[in-house]
Amino acid sequence: GDELYDGGISKEALERFKSTGKFSELTKEHRYPRKKAGKNLLSEEYKDIISGKTSLKKLYLENYGRYHYVLSGENKKLVKHQKAGDDQKTAYSKAGIELLSMSINEIKSLKSKNIL
């Protein structure tokens, strides 16, 4: 479902969606890459999970499962910056990716206007 979508879509991904109307051509890029999420869960978040202050489900729904849409090629460009430890804003800037804020409904509305 769309409940984990965080409201971001790259400019290029939006253009692709406008031309195809297909979400299947877009890549879900997670805020936290899997390895970083795993490391955080086993270090920073572990005590809070064990003590009951939070749950894995809550952390997934609020942080680690959240994603936005990019193109596959853009996702590949991001990997080297994420591995270097860059935060999301820095990684996107270095990869030359412009991230726009749009709701799923706003994106879906473009399909009906542009695809006939």
Protein backbone atom coordinates (compact mmCIF):
# COMPACT_ATOMS: atom_id res chain seq x y z
CA GLY A 1 0.00 0.00 0.00
CA ASP A 2 0.83 3.65 -0.02
CA GLU A 3 0.77 4.15 3.76
CA LEU A 4 4.57 4.13 3.99
CA TYR A 5 5.06 6.67 1.17
CA ASP A 6 6.66 9.75 2.74
CA GLY A 7 5.55 12.37 0.23
CA GLY A 8 8.70 12.59 -1.90
CA ILE A 9 9.18 11.89 -5.59
CA SER A 10 12.14 12.79 -7.75
CA LYS A 11 11.53 15.19 -10.60
CA GLU A 12 12.62 12.53 -13.10
CA ALA A 13 10.34 9.89 -11.55
CA LEU A 14 7.43 12.30 -11.75
CA GLU A 15 8.13 12.90 -15.43
CA ARG A 16 8.25 9.15 -16.07
CA PHE A 17 4.95 8.67 -14.25
CA LYS A 18 3.36 11.47 -16.29
CA SER A 19 4.39 9.73 -19.51
CA THR A 20 3.52 6.15 -18.53
CA GLY A 21 0.98 6.39 -15.72
CA LYS A 22 2.66 3.39 -14.08
CA PHE A 23 4.03 3.27 -10.54
CA SER A 24 5.63 -0.05 -11.50
CA GLU A 25 8.28 1.88 -13.47
CA LEU A 26 9.35 3.75 -10.33
CA THR A 27 11.62 2.55 -7.54
CA LYS A 28 10.75 2.82 -3.86
CA GLU A 29 13.80 4.40 -2.27
CA HIS A 30 13.80 3.93 1.49
CA ARG A 31 14.93 6.69 3.84
CA TYR A 32 17.16 4.18 5.57
CA PRO A 33 18.96 1.64 3.39
CA ARG A 34 18.55 -1.91 4.74
CA LYS A 35 22.09 -2.20 6.10
CA LYS A 36 21.85 1.14 7.89
CA ALA A 37 18.43 0.24 9.29
CA GLY A 38 19.75 -3.10 10.55
CA LYS A 39 22.76 -1.45 12.16
CA ASN A 40 20.56 1.15 13.88
CA LEU A 41 18.12 -1.48 15.11
CA LEU A 42 20.91 -3.60 16.59
CA SER A 43 22.68 -0.67 18.22
CA GLU A 44 20.82 2.58 18.80
CA GLU A 45 17.25 1.21 18.94
CA TYR A 46 17.93 -2.18 20.54
CA LYS A 47 17.65 -1.09 24.18
CA ASP A 48 14.36 0.72 23.56
CA ILE A 49 12.89 -2.32 21.83
CA ILE A 50 13.99 -4.71 24.59
CA SER A 51 12.76 -2.38 27.37
CA GLY A 52 9.39 -1.95 25.66
CA LYS A 53 9.79 1.82 25.09
CA THR A 54 9.13 1.18 21.41
CA SER A 55 8.41 -1.71 19.09
CA LEU A 56 9.93 -2.92 15.87
CA LYS A 57 6.56 -2.39 14.18
CA LYS A 58 6.39 1.24 15.31
CA LEU A 59 9.96 1.92 14.18
CA TYR A 60 9.23 0.33 10.80
CA LEU A 61 6.01 2.27 10.25
CA GLU A 62 7.46 5.61 11.38
CA ASN A 63 11.04 5.40 10.08
CA TYR A 64 12.61 2.34 8.50
CA GLY A 65 9.77 1.39 6.16
CA ARG A 66 9.19 4.90 4.81
CA TYR A 67 10.04 5.50 1.15
CA HIS A 68 9.75 7.91 -1.73
CA TYR A 69 9.84 7.36 -5.48
CA VAL A 70 12.86 7.66 -7.75
CA LEU A 71 13.98 6.01 -10.98
CA SER A 72 16.10 2.87 -10.83
CA GLY A 73 19.15 4.71 -12.20
CA GLU A 74 18.75 7.43 -9.59
CA ASN A 75 18.58 4.82 -6.86
CA LYS A 76 21.90 3.39 -8.06
CA LYS A 77 23.49 6.86 -7.95
CA LEU A 78 22.35 7.26 -4.35
CA VAL A 79 23.94 4.03 -3.12
CA LYS A 80 27.55 5.28 -3.13
CA HIS A 81 26.61 8.43 -1.20
CA GLN A 82 24.55 6.47 1.31
CA LYS A 83 27.41 4.02 1.82
CA ALA A 84 29.69 6.99 2.49
CA GLY A 85 27.36 7.94 5.34
CA ASP A 86 25.80 11.00 3.74
CA ASP A 87 22.41 12.03 5.10
CA GLN A 88 19.45 11.94 2.73
CA LYS A 89 19.58 15.61 1.71
CA THR A 90 23.33 15.50 1.03
CA ALA A 91 23.12 12.21 -0.87
CA TYR A 92 20.38 13.54 -3.14
CA SER A 93 22.28 16.77 -3.75
CA LYS A 94 25.52 14.95 -4.63
CA ALA A 95 23.62 12.56 -6.92
CA GLY A 96 21.98 15.50 -8.70
CA ILE A 97 18.46 14.39 -7.82
CA GLU A 98 15.72 16.93 -7.15
CA LEU A 99 13.16 15.61 -4.68
CA LEU A 100 9.66 17.11 -4.91
CA SER A 101 6.90 16.98 -2.29
CA MET A 102 3.67 15.49 -3.59
CA SER A 103 0.97 13.31 -2.11
CA ILE A 104 0.03 10.01 -3.72
CA ASN A 105 -3.31 11.52 -4.70
CA GLU A 106 -1.60 14.47 -6.41
CA ILE A 107 0.60 12.07 -8.37
CA LYS A 108 -2.33 9.82 -9.28
CA SER A 109 -4.32 12.84 -10.50
CA LEU A 110 -1.65 13.47 -13.13
CA LYS A 111 -2.29 10.04 -14.64
CA SER A 112 -5.86 10.83 -15.52
CA LYS A 113 -4.93 14.24 -16.97
CA ASN A 114 -2.02 13.11 -19.12
CA ILE A 115 -2.72 9.52 -20.14
CA LEU A 116 -5.56 9.02 -22.61
